[in-house]
Amino acid sequence: PRVELEPDITGDWRAGYHARDGVLSAAA
């Protein structure tokens, strides 16, 4: 599959994050 590499966090990257602490905070 195509893997996109970005130097910054994108909205799509954030949408894929589902860690145990839930939504990413500003500190995260």
mmCIF file of all heavy atoms, coordinates in Angstrom:
data_MODEL
# 
_entry.id   MODEL 
# 
loop_
_atom_site.group_PDB 
_atom_site.id 
_atom_site.type_symbol 
_atom_site.label_atom_id 
_atom_site.label_alt_id 
_atom_site.label_comp_id 
_atom_site.label_asym_id 
_atom_site.label_entity_id 
_atom_site.label_seq_id 
_atom_site.pdbx_PDB_ins_code 
_atom_site.Cartn_x 
_atom_site.Cartn_y 
_atom_site.Cartn_z 
_atom_site.occupancy 
_atom_site.B_iso_or_equiv 
_atom_site.pdbx_formal_charge 
_atom_site.auth_seq_id 
_atom_site.auth_comp_id 
_atom_site.auth_asym_id 
_atom_site.auth_atom_id 
_atom_site.pdbx_PDB_model_num 
ATOM 1   N N   . PRO A 1 1  ? 0.816   -1.211 0.000  1.00 0.00 ? 1  PRO A N   1 
ATOM 2   C CA  . PRO A 1 1  ? 0.000   0.000  0.000  1.00 0.00 ? 1  PRO A CA  1 
ATOM 3   C C   . PRO A 1 1  ? 0.853   1.267  0.000  1.00 0.00 ? 1  PRO A C   1 
ATOM 4   O O   . PRO A 1 1  ? 2.006   1.255  0.417  1.00 0.00 ? 1  PRO A O   1 
ATOM 5   C CB  . PRO A 1 1  ? -0.793  -0.120 1.308  1.00 0.00 ? 1  PRO A CB  1 
ATOM 6   C CG  . PRO A 1 1  ? 0.064   -0.967 2.184  1.00 0.00 ? 1  PRO A CG  1 
ATOM 7   C CD  . PRO A 1 1  ? 0.713   -1.954 1.263  1.00 0.00 ? 1  PRO A CD  1 
ATOM 8   N N   . ARG A 1 2  ? 0.256   2.336  -0.458 1.00 0.00 ? 2  ARG A N   1 
ATOM 9   C CA  . ARG A 1 2  ? 0.961   3.616  -0.476 1.00 0.00 ? 2  ARG A CA  1 
ATOM 10  C C   . ARG A 1 2  ? 1.023   4.172  0.940  1.00 0.00 ? 2  ARG A C   1 
ATOM 11  O O   . ARG A 1 2  ? 0.019   4.262  1.626  1.00 0.00 ? 2  ARG A O   1 
ATOM 12  C CB  . ARG A 1 2  ? 0.235   4.599  -1.391 1.00 0.00 ? 2  ARG A CB  1 
ATOM 13  C CG  . ARG A 1 2  ? 0.883   5.980  -1.439 1.00 0.00 ? 2  ARG A CG  1 
ATOM 14  C CD  . ARG A 1 2  ? 0.052   6.931  -2.271 1.00 0.00 ? 2  ARG A CD  1 
ATOM 15  N NE  . ARG A 1 2  ? 0.642   8.266  -2.276 1.00 0.00 ? 2  ARG A NE  1 
ATOM 16  C CZ  . ARG A 1 2  ? 0.050   9.327  -2.796 1.00 0.00 ? 2  ARG A CZ  1 
ATOM 17  N NH1 . ARG A 1 2  ? -1.152  9.202  -3.348 1.00 0.00 ? 2  ARG A NH1 1 
ATOM 18  N NH2 . ARG A 1 2  ? 0.637   10.496 -2.757 1.00 0.00 ? 2  ARG A NH2 1 
ATOM 19  N N   . VAL A 1 3  ? 2.224   4.550  1.348  1.00 0.00 ? 3  VAL A N   1 
ATOM 20  C CA  . VAL A 1 3  ? 2.436   5.141  2.668  1.00 0.00 ? 3  VAL A CA  1 
ATOM 21  C C   . VAL A 1 3  ? 2.890   6.582  2.474  1.00 0.00 ? 3  VAL A C   1 
ATOM 22  O O   . VAL A 1 3  ? 3.900   6.834  1.807  1.00 0.00 ? 3  VAL A O   1 
ATOM 23  C CB  . VAL A 1 3  ? 3.494   4.368  3.481  1.00 0.00 ? 3  VAL A CB  1 
ATOM 24  C CG1 . VAL A 1 3  ? 3.675   5.004  4.855  1.00 0.00 ? 3  VAL A CG1 1 
ATOM 25  C CG2 . VAL A 1 3  ? 3.096   2.900  3.614  1.00 0.00 ? 3  VAL A CG2 1 
ATOM 26  N N   . GLU A 1 4  ? 2.150   7.508  3.013  1.00 0.00 ? 4  GLU A N   1 
ATOM 27  C CA  . GLU A 1 4  ? 2.517   8.916  2.917  1.00 0.00 ? 4  GLU A CA  1 
ATOM 28  C C   . GLU A 1 4  ? 3.282   9.332  4.170  1.00 0.00 ? 4  GLU A C   1 
ATOM 29  O O   . GLU A 1 4  ? 2.882   9.007  5.290  1.00 0.00 ? 4  GLU A O   1 
ATOM 30  C CB  . GLU A 1 4  ? 1.265   9.779  2.754  1.00 0.00 ? 4  GLU A CB  1 
ATOM 31  C CG  . GLU A 1 4  ? 0.509   9.502  1.469  1.00 0.00 ? 4  GLU A CG  1 
ATOM 32  C CD  . GLU A 1 4  ? -0.672  10.428 1.282  1.00 0.00 ? 4  GLU A CD  1 
ATOM 33  O OE1 . GLU A 1 4  ? -0.775  11.417 2.043  1.00 0.00 ? 4  GLU A OE1 1 
ATOM 34  O OE2 . GLU A 1 4  ? -1.499  10.163 0.388  1.00 0.00 ? 4  GLU A OE2 1 
ATOM 35  N N   . LEU A 1 5  ? 4.390   10.037 3.969  1.00 0.00 ? 5  LEU A N   1 
ATOM 36  C CA  . LEU A 1 5  ? 5.227   10.511 5.074  1.00 0.00 ? 5  LEU A CA  1 
ATOM 37  C C   . LEU A 1 5  ? 5.180   12.033 5.097  1.00 0.00 ? 5  LEU A C   1 
ATOM 38  O O   . LEU A 1 5  ? 5.550   12.682 4.112  1.00 0.00 ? 5  LEU A O   1 
ATOM 39  C CB  . LEU A 1 5  ? 6.664   10.031 4.918  1.00 0.00 ? 5  LEU A CB  1 
ATOM 40  C CG  . LEU A 1 5  ? 6.888   8.511  4.897  1.00 0.00 ? 5  LEU A CG  1 
ATOM 41  C CD1 . LEU A 1 5  ? 8.369   8.199  4.722  1.00 0.00 ? 5  LEU A CD1 1 
ATOM 42  C CD2 . LEU A 1 5  ? 6.364   7.863  6.171  1.00 0.00 ? 5  LEU A CD2 1 
ATOM 43  N N   . GLU A 1 6  ? 4.725   12.591 6.205  1.00 0.00 ? 6  GLU A N   1 
ATOM 44  C CA  . GLU A 1 6  ? 4.595   14.035 6.340  1.00 0.00 ? 6  GLU A CA  1 
ATOM 45  C C   . GLU A 1 6  ? 5.429   14.532 7.515  1.00 0.00 ? 6  GLU A C   1 
ATOM 46  O O   . GLU A 1 6  ? 5.562   13.838 8.530  1.00 0.00 ? 6  GLU A O   1 
ATOM 47  C CB  . GLU A 1 6  ? 3.130   14.424 6.577  1.00 0.00 ? 6  GLU A CB  1 
ATOM 48  C CG  . GLU A 1 6  ? 2.172   14.026 5.466  1.00 0.00 ? 6  GLU A CG  1 
ATOM 49  C CD  . GLU A 1 6  ? 2.348   14.873 4.222  1.00 0.00 ? 6  GLU A CD  1 
ATOM 50  O OE1 . GLU A 1 6  ? 3.006   15.940 4.306  1.00 0.00 ? 6  GLU A OE1 1 
ATOM 51  O OE2 . GLU A 1 6  ? 1.815   14.484 3.164  1.00 0.00 ? 6  GLU A OE2 1 
ATOM 52  N N   . PRO A 1 7  ? 5.994   15.744 7.420  1.00 0.00 ? 7  PRO A N   1 
ATOM 53  C CA  . PRO A 1 7  ? 6.793   16.284 8.532  1.00 0.00 ? 7  PRO A CA  1 
ATOM 54  C C   . PRO A 1 7  ? 5.952   16.833 9.682  1.00 0.00 ? 7  PRO A C   1 
ATOM 55  O O   . PRO A 1 7  ? 6.486   17.116 10.752 1.00 0.00 ? 7  PRO A O   1 
ATOM 56  C CB  . PRO A 1 7  ? 7.608   17.400 7.867  1.00 0.00 ? 7  PRO A CB  1 
ATOM 57  C CG  . PRO A 1 7  ? 6.742   17.850 6.727  1.00 0.00 ? 7  PRO A CG  1 
ATOM 58  C CD  . PRO A 1 7  ? 6.044   16.620 6.235  1.00 0.00 ? 7  PRO A CD  1 
ATOM 59  N N   . ASP A 1 8  ? 4.648   16.955 9.452  1.00 0.00 ? 8  ASP A N   1 
ATOM 60  C CA  . ASP A 1 8  ? 3.755   17.476 10.485 1.00 0.00 ? 8  ASP A CA  1 
ATOM 61  C C   . ASP A 1 8  ? 2.555   16.557 10.653 1.00 0.00 ? 8  ASP A C   1 
ATOM 62  O O   . ASP A 1 8  ? 2.210   15.778 9.752  1.00 0.00 ? 8  ASP A O   1 
ATOM 63  C CB  . ASP A 1 8  ? 3.264   18.883 10.119 1.00 0.00 ? 8  ASP A CB  1 
ATOM 64  C CG  . ASP A 1 8  ? 4.414   19.877 9.964  1.00 0.00 ? 8  ASP A CG  1 
ATOM 65  O OD1 . ASP A 1 8  ? 5.161   20.057 10.942 1.00 0.00 ? 8  ASP A OD1 1 
ATOM 66  O OD2 . ASP A 1 8  ? 4.565   20.432 8.854  1.00 0.00 ? 8  ASP A OD2 1 
ATOM 67  N N   . ILE A 1 9  ? 1.908   16.679 11.797 1.00 0.00 ? 9  ILE A N   1 
ATOM 68  C CA  . ILE A 1 9  ? 0.707   15.883 12.059 1.00 0.00 ? 9  ILE A CA  1 
ATOM 69  C C   . ILE A 1 9  ? -0.447  16.420 11.216 1.00 0.00 ? 9  ILE A C   1 
ATOM 70  O O   . ILE A 1 9  ? -0.773  17.607 11.273 1.00 0.00 ? 9  ILE A O   1 
ATOM 71  C CB  . ILE A 1 9  ? 0.333   15.940 13.549 1.00 0.00 ? 9  ILE A CB  1 
ATOM 72  C CG1 . ILE A 1 9  ? 1.466   15.364 14.405 1.00 0.00 ? 9  ILE A CG1 1 
ATOM 73  C CG2 . ILE A 1 9  ? -0.958  15.178 13.810 1.00 0.00 ? 9  ILE A CG2 1 
ATOM 74  C CD1 . ILE A 1 9  ? 1.236   15.503 15.891 1.00 0.00 ? 9  ILE A CD1 1 
ATOM 75  N N   . THR A 1 10 ? -1.038  15.553 10.423 1.00 0.00 ? 10 THR A N   1 
ATOM 76  C CA  . THR A 1 10 ? -2.180  15.937 9.598  1.00 0.00 ? 10 THR A CA  1 
ATOM 77  C C   . THR A 1 10 ? -3.481  15.504 10.273 1.00 0.00 ? 10 THR A C   1 
ATOM 78  O O   . THR A 1 10 ? -3.480  14.698 11.216 1.00 0.00 ? 10 THR A O   1 
ATOM 79  C CB  . THR A 1 10 ? -2.095  15.285 8.212  1.00 0.00 ? 10 THR A CB  1 
ATOM 80  O OG1 . THR A 1 10 ? -2.196  13.855 8.367  1.00 0.00 ? 10 THR A OG1 1 
ATOM 81  C CG2 . THR A 1 10 ? -0.777  15.623 7.525  1.00 0.00 ? 10 THR A CG2 1 
ATOM 82  N N   . GLY A 1 11 ? -4.584  16.013 9.755  1.00 0.00 ? 11 GLY A N   1 
ATOM 83  C CA  . GLY A 1 11 ? -5.879  15.597 10.276 1.00 0.00 ? 11 GLY A CA  1 
ATOM 84  C C   . GLY A 1 11 ? -6.116  14.115 10.075 1.00 0.00 ? 11 GLY A C   1 
ATOM 85  O O   . GLY A 1 11 ? -6.697  13.435 10.934 1.00 0.00 ? 11 GLY A O   1 
ATOM 86  N N   . ASP A 1 12 ? -5.653  13.572 8.943  1.00 0.00 ? 12 ASP A N   1 
ATOM 87  C CA  . ASP A 1 12 ? -5.815  12.137 8.684  1.00 0.00 ? 12 ASP A CA  1 
ATOM 88  C C   . ASP A 1 12 ? -5.001  11.311 9.687  1.00 0.00 ? 12 ASP A C   1 
ATOM 89  O O   . ASP A 1 12 ? -5.447  10.249 10.135 1.00 0.00 ? 12 ASP A O   1 
ATOM 90  C CB  . ASP A 1 12 ? -5.381  11.813 7.260  1.00 0.00 ? 12 ASP A CB  1 
ATOM 91  C CG  . ASP A 1 12 ? -6.401  12.271 6.230  1.00 0.00 ? 12 ASP A CG  1 
ATOM 92  O OD1 . ASP A 1 12 ? -7.580  12.427 6.594  1.00 0.00 ? 12 ASP A OD1 1 
ATOM 93  O OD2 . ASP A 1 12 ? -6.011  12.487 5.072  1.00 0.00 ? 12 ASP A OD2 1 
ATOM 94  N N   . TRP A 1 13 ? -3.792  11.787 10.012 1.00 0.00 ? 13 TRP A N   1 
ATOM 95  C CA  . TRP A 1 13 ? -2.978  11.054 10.975 1.00 0.00 ? 13 TRP A CA  1 
ATOM 96  C C   . TRP A 1 13 ? -3.669  11.041 12.339 1.00 0.00 ? 13 TRP A C   1 
ATOM 97  O O   . TRP A 1 13 ? -3.760  10.005 12.994 1.00 0.00 ? 13 TRP A O   1 
ATOM 98  C CB  . TRP A 1 13 ? -1.594  11.688 11.086 1.00 0.00 ? 13 TRP A CB  1 
ATOM 99  C CG  . TRP A 1 13 ? -0.573  10.813 11.769 1.00 0.00 ? 13 TRP A CG  1 
ATOM 100 C CD1 . TRP A 1 13 ? 0.301   9.960  11.161 1.00 0.00 ? 13 TRP A CD1 1 
ATOM 101 C CD2 . TRP A 1 13 ? -0.334  10.711 13.180 1.00 0.00 ? 13 TRP A CD2 1 
ATOM 102 N NE1 . TRP A 1 13 ? 1.071   9.315  12.115 1.00 0.00 ? 13 TRP A NE1 1 
ATOM 103 C CE2 . TRP A 1 13 ? 0.710   9.759  13.355 1.00 0.00 ? 13 TRP A CE2 1 
ATOM 104 C CE3 . TRP A 1 13 ? -0.886  11.313 14.305 1.00 0.00 ? 13 TRP A CE3 1 
ATOM 105 C CZ2 . TRP A 1 13 ? 1.202   9.403  14.611 1.00 0.00 ? 13 TRP A CZ2 1 
ATOM 106 C CZ3 . TRP A 1 13 ? -0.410  10.962 15.565 1.00 0.00 ? 13 TRP A CZ3 1 
ATOM 107 C CH2 . TRP A 1 13 ? 0.626   10.014 15.709 1.00 0.00 ? 13 TRP A CH2 1 
ATOM 108 N N   . ARG A 1 14 ? -4.171  12.192 12.740 1.00 0.00 ? 14 ARG A N   1 
ATOM 109 C CA  . ARG A 1 14 ? -4.883  12.267 14.021 1.00 0.00 ? 14 ARG A CA  1 
ATOM 110 C C   . ARG A 1 14 ? -6.106  11.360 14.029 1.00 0.00 ? 14 ARG A C   1 
ATOM 111 O O   . ARG A 1 14 ? -6.434  10.759 15.052 1.00 0.00 ? 14 ARG A O   1 
ATOM 112 C CB  . ARG A 1 14 ? -5.299  13.709 14.313 1.00 0.00 ? 14 ARG A CB  1 
ATOM 113 C CG  . ARG A 1 14 ? -4.141  14.623 14.643 1.00 0.00 ? 14 ARG A CG  1 
ATOM 114 C CD  . ARG A 1 14 ? -4.599  16.046 14.889 1.00 0.00 ? 14 ARG A CD  1 
ATOM 115 N NE  . ARG A 1 14 ? -5.460  16.145 16.061 1.00 0.00 ? 14 ARG A NE  1 
ATOM 116 C CZ  . ARG A 1 14 ? -5.910  17.289 16.557 1.00 0.00 ? 14 ARG A CZ  1 
ATOM 117 N NH1 . ARG A 1 14 ? -5.586  18.442 15.963 1.00 0.00 ? 14 ARG A NH1 1 
ATOM 118 N NH2 . ARG A 1 14 ? -6.672  17.308 17.618 1.00 0.00 ? 14 ARG A NH2 1 
ATOM 119 N N   . ALA A 1 15 ? -6.763  11.239 12.887 1.00 0.00 ? 15 ALA A N   1 
ATOM 120 C CA  . ALA A 1 15 ? -7.951  10.395 12.815 1.00 0.00 ? 15 ALA A CA  1 
ATOM 121 C C   . ALA A 1 15 ? -7.619  8.926  13.038 1.00 0.00 ? 15 ALA A C   1 
ATOM 122 O O   . ALA A 1 15 ? -8.480  8.142  13.462 1.00 0.00 ? 15 ALA A O   1 
ATOM 123 C CB  . ALA A 1 15 ? -8.624  10.564 11.449 1.00 0.00 ? 15 ALA A CB  1 
ATOM 124 N N   . GLY A 1 16 ? -6.380  8.537  12.767 1.00 0.00 ? 16 GLY A N   1 
ATOM 125 C CA  . GLY A 1 16 ? -5.981  7.148  12.954 1.00 0.00 ? 16 GLY A CA  1 
ATOM 126 C C   . GLY A 1 16 ? -5.464  6.829  14.331 1.00 0.00 ? 16 GLY A C   1 
ATOM 127 O O   . GLY A 1 16 ? -5.152  5.673  14.630 1.00 0.00 ? 16 GLY A O   1 
ATOM 128 N N   . TYR A 1 17 ? -5.368  7.834  15.182 1.00 0.00 ? 17 TYR A N   1 
ATOM 129 C CA  . TYR A 1 17 ? -4.794  7.627  16.510 1.00 0.00 ? 17 TYR A CA  1 
ATOM 130 C C   . TYR A 1 17 ? -5.899  7.286  17.503 1.00 0.00 ? 17 TYR A C   1 
ATOM 131 O O   . TYR A 1 17 ? -6.805  8.081  17.737 1.00 0.00 ? 17 TYR A O   1 
ATOM 132 C CB  . TYR A 1 17 ? -4.047  8.881  16.961 1.00 0.00 ? 17 TYR A CB  1 
ATOM 133 C CG  . TYR A 1 17 ? -3.193  8.662  18.190 1.00 0.00 ? 17 TYR A CG  1 
ATOM 134 C CD1 . TYR A 1 17 ? -1.836  8.391  18.070 1.00 0.00 ? 17 TYR A CD1 1 
ATOM 135 C CD2 . TYR A 1 17 ? -3.735  8.707  19.464 1.00 0.00 ? 17 TYR A CD2 1 
ATOM 136 C CE1 . TYR A 1 17 ? -1.047  8.160  19.174 1.00 0.00 ? 17 TYR A CE1 1 
ATOM 137 C CE2 . TYR A 1 17 ? -2.959  8.485  20.582 1.00 0.00 ? 17 TYR A CE2 1 
ATOM 138 C CZ  . TYR A 1 17 ? -1.614  8.215  20.441 1.00 0.00 ? 17 TYR A CZ  1 
ATOM 139 O OH  . TYR A 1 17 ? -0.842  7.982  21.544 1.00 0.00 ? 17 TYR A OH  1 
ATOM 140 N N   . HIS A 1 18 ? -5.802  6.103  18.067 1.00 0.00 ? 18 HIS A N   1 
ATOM 141 C CA  . HIS A 1 18 ? -6.803  5.663  19.042 1.00 0.00 ? 18 HIS A CA  1 
ATOM 142 C C   . HIS A 1 18 ? -6.108  5.022  20.238 1.00 0.00 ? 18 HIS A C   1 
ATOM 143 O O   . HIS A 1 18 ? -6.394  3.885  20.613 1.00 0.00 ? 18 HIS A O   1 
ATOM 144 C CB  . HIS A 1 18 ? -7.782  4.676  18.422 1.00 0.00 ? 18 HIS A CB  1 
ATOM 145 C CG  . HIS A 1 18 ? -8.522  5.224  17.246 1.00 0.00 ? 18 HIS A CG  1 
ATOM 146 N ND1 . HIS A 1 18 ? -8.091  5.065  15.940 1.00 0.00 ? 18 HIS A ND1 1 
ATOM 147 C CD2 . HIS A 1 18 ? -9.645  5.977  17.179 1.00 0.00 ? 18 HIS A CD2 1 
ATOM 148 C CE1 . HIS A 1 18 ? -8.929  5.668  15.127 1.00 0.00 ? 18 HIS A CE1 1 
ATOM 149 N NE2 . HIS A 1 18 ? -9.882  6.233  15.840 1.00 0.00 ? 18 HIS A NE2 1 
ATOM 150 N N   . ALA A 1 19 ? -5.166  5.736  20.837 1.00 0.00 ? 19 ALA A N   1 
ATOM 151 C CA  . ALA A 1 19 ? -4.416  5.195  21.974 1.00 0.00 ? 19 ALA A CA  1 
ATOM 152 C C   . ALA A 1 19 ? -5.311  5.103  23.202 1.00 0.00 ? 19 ALA A C   1 
ATOM 153 O O   . ALA A 1 19 ? -6.430  5.620  23.232 1.00 0.00 ? 19 ALA A O   1 
ATOM 154 C CB  . ALA A 1 19 ? -3.206  6.070  22.278 1.00 0.00 ? 19 ALA A CB  1 
ATOM 155 N N   . ARG A 1 20 ? -4.787  4.469  24.230 1.00 0.00 ? 20 ARG A N   1 
ATOM 156 C CA  . ARG A 1 20 ? -5.567  4.215  25.437 1.00 0.00 ? 20 ARG A CA  1 
ATOM 157 C C   . ARG A 1 20 ? -6.067  5.491  26.106 1.00 0.00 ? 20 ARG A C   1 
ATOM 158 O O   . ARG A 1 20 ? -7.058  5.485  26.817 1.00 0.00 ? 20 ARG A O   1 
ATOM 159 C CB  . ARG A 1 20 ? -4.728  3.419  26.438 1.00 0.00 ? 20 ARG A CB  1 
ATOM 160 C CG  . ARG A 1 20 ? -3.608  4.220  27.062 1.00 0.00 ? 20 ARG A CG  1 
ATOM 161 C CD  . ARG A 1 20 ? -2.712  3.365  27.919 1.00 0.00 ? 20 ARG A CD  1 
ATOM 162 N NE  . ARG A 1 20 ? -1.966  2.430  27.099 1.00 0.00 ? 20 ARG A NE  1 
ATOM 163 C CZ  . ARG A 1 20 ? -1.061  1.598  27.590 1.00 0.00 ? 20 ARG A CZ  1 
ATOM 164 N NH1 . ARG A 1 20 ? -0.812  1.587  28.870 1.00 0.00 ? 20 ARG A NH1 1 
ATOM 165 N NH2 . ARG A 1 20 ? -0.405  0.773  26.796 1.00 0.00 ? 20 ARG A NH2 1 
ATOM 166 N N   . ASP A 1 21 ? -5.357  6.608  25.885 1.00 0.00 ? 21 ASP A N   1 
ATOM 167 C CA  . ASP A 1 21 ? -5.750  7.847  26.531 1.00 0.00 ? 21 ASP A CA  1 
ATOM 168 C C   . ASP A 1 21 ? -6.803  8.622  25.746 1.00 0.00 ? 21 ASP A C   1 
ATOM 169 O O   . ASP A 1 21 ? -7.171  9.724  26.113 1.00 0.00 ? 21 ASP A O   1 
ATOM 170 C CB  . ASP A 1 21 ? -4.514  8.741  26.745 1.00 0.00 ? 21 ASP A CB  1 
ATOM 171 C CG  . ASP A 1 21 ? -3.522  8.097  27.699 1.00 0.00 ? 21 ASP A CG  1 
ATOM 172 O OD1 . ASP A 1 21 ? -3.979  7.388  28.608 1.00 0.00 ? 21 ASP A OD1 1 
ATOM 173 O OD2 . ASP A 1 21 ? -2.314  8.294  27.528 1.00 0.00 ? 21 ASP A OD2 1 
ATOM 174 N N   . GLY A 1 22 ? -7.302  8.049  24.642 1.00 0.00 ? 22 GLY A N   1 
ATOM 175 C CA  . GLY A 1 22 ? -8.363  8.697  23.914 1.00 0.00 ? 22 GLY A CA  1 
ATOM 176 C C   . GLY A 1 22 ? -7.861  9.809  23.007 1.00 0.00 ? 22 GLY A C   1 
ATOM 177 O O   . GLY A 1 22 ? -6.823  9.695  22.375 1.00 0.00 ? 22 GLY A O   1 
ATOM 178 N N   . VAL A 1 23 ? -8.627  10.888 22.927 1.00 0.00 ? 23 VAL A N   1 
ATOM 179 C CA  . VAL A 1 23 ? -8.310  11.997 22.032 1.00 0.00 ? 23 VAL A CA  1 
ATOM 180 C C   . VAL A 1 23 ? -6.979  12.628 22.423 1.00 0.00 ? 23 VAL A C   1 
ATOM 181 O O   . VAL A 1 23 ? -6.673  12.804 23.597 1.00 0.00 ? 23 VAL A O   1 
ATOM 182 C CB  . VAL A 1 23 ? -9.427  13.057 22.089 1.00 0.00 ? 23 VAL A CB  1 
ATOM 183 C CG1 . VAL A 1 23 ? -9.081  14.248 21.203 1.00 0.00 ? 23 VAL A CG1 1 
ATOM 184 C CG2 . VAL A 1 23 ? -10.758 12.436 21.661 1.00 0.00 ? 23 VAL A CG2 1 
ATOM 185 N N   . LEU A 1 24 ? -6.188  12.974 21.419 1.00 0.00 ? 24 LEU A N   1 
ATOM 186 C CA  . LEU A 1 24 ? -4.892  13.588 21.675 1.00 0.00 ? 24 LEU A CA  1 
ATOM 187 C C   . LEU A 1 24 ? -5.069  14.982 22.265 1.00 0.00 ? 24 LEU A C   1 
ATOM 188 O O   . LEU A 1 24 ? -5.736  15.838 21.677 1.00 0.00 ? 24 LEU A O   1 
ATOM 189 C CB  . LEU A 1 24 ? -4.094  13.669 20.371 1.00 0.00 ? 24 LEU A CB  1 
ATOM 190 C CG  . LEU A 1 24 ? -3.501  12.359 19.855 1.00 0.00 ? 24 LEU A CG  1 
ATOM 191 C CD1 . LEU A 1 24 ? -2.998  12.541 18.433 1.00 0.00 ? 24 LEU A CD1 1 
ATOM 192 C CD2 . LEU A 1 24 ? -2.391  11.881 20.762 1.00 0.00 ? 24 LEU A CD2 1 
ATOM 193 N N   . SER A 1 25 ? -4.451  15.208 23.404 1.00 0.00 ? 25 SER A N   1 
ATOM 194 C CA  . SER A 1 25 ? -4.500  16.508 24.056 1.00 0.00 ? 25 SER A CA  1 
ATOM 195 C C   . SER A 1 25 ? -3.490  17.451 23.403 1.00 0.00 ? 25 SER A C   1 
ATOM 196 O O   . SER A 1 25 ? -2.651  17.034 22.592 1.00 0.00 ? 25 SER A O   1 
ATOM 197 C CB  . SER A 1 25 ? -4.168  16.360 25.537 1.00 0.00 ? 25 SER A CB  1 
ATOM 198 O OG  . SER A 1 25 ? -2.827  15.916 25.688 1.00 0.00 ? 25 SER A OG  1 
ATOM 199 N N   . ALA A 1 26 ? -3.569  18.719 23.790 1.00 0.00 ? 26 ALA A N   1 
ATOM 200 C CA  . ALA A 1 26 ? -2.599  19.691 23.275 1.00 0.00 ? 26 ALA A CA  1 
ATOM 201 C C   . ALA A 1 26 ? -1.187  19.295 23.682 1.00 0.00 ? 26 ALA A C   1 
ATOM 202 O O   . ALA A 1 26 ? -0.236  19.426 22.899 1.00 0.00 ? 26 ALA A O   1 
ATOM 203 C CB  . ALA A 1 26 ? -2.937  21.084 23.788 1.00 0.00 ? 26 ALA A CB  1 
ATOM 204 N N   . ALA A 1 27 ? -1.025  18.782 24.917 1.00 0.00 ? 27 ALA A N   1 
ATOM 205 C CA  . ALA A 1 27 ? 0.299   18.354 25.382 1.00 0.00 ? 27 ALA A CA  1 
ATOM 206 C C   . ALA A 1 27 ? 0.813   17.169 24.576 1.00 0.00 ? 27 ALA A C   1 
ATOM 207 O O   . ALA A 1 27 ? 2.001   17.074 24.268 1.00 0.00 ? 27 ALA A O   1 
ATOM 208 C CB  . ALA A 1 27 ? 0.236   17.998 26.871 1.00 0.00 ? 27 ALA A CB  1 
ATOM 209 N N   . ALA A 1 28 ? -0.088  16.254 24.216 1.00 0.00 ? 28 ALA A N   1 
ATOM 210 C CA  . ALA A 1 28 ? 0.303   15.097 23.410 1.00 0.00 ? 28 ALA A CA  1 
ATOM 211 C C   . ALA A 1 28 ? 0.724   15.525 22.007 1.00 0.00 ? 28 ALA A C   1 
ATOM 212 O O   . ALA A 1 28 ? 1.763   15.084 21.495 1.00 0.00 ? 28 ALA A O   1 
ATOM 213 C CB  . ALA A 1 28 ? -0.854  14.102 23.336 1.00 0.00 ? 28 ALA A CB  1 
# 
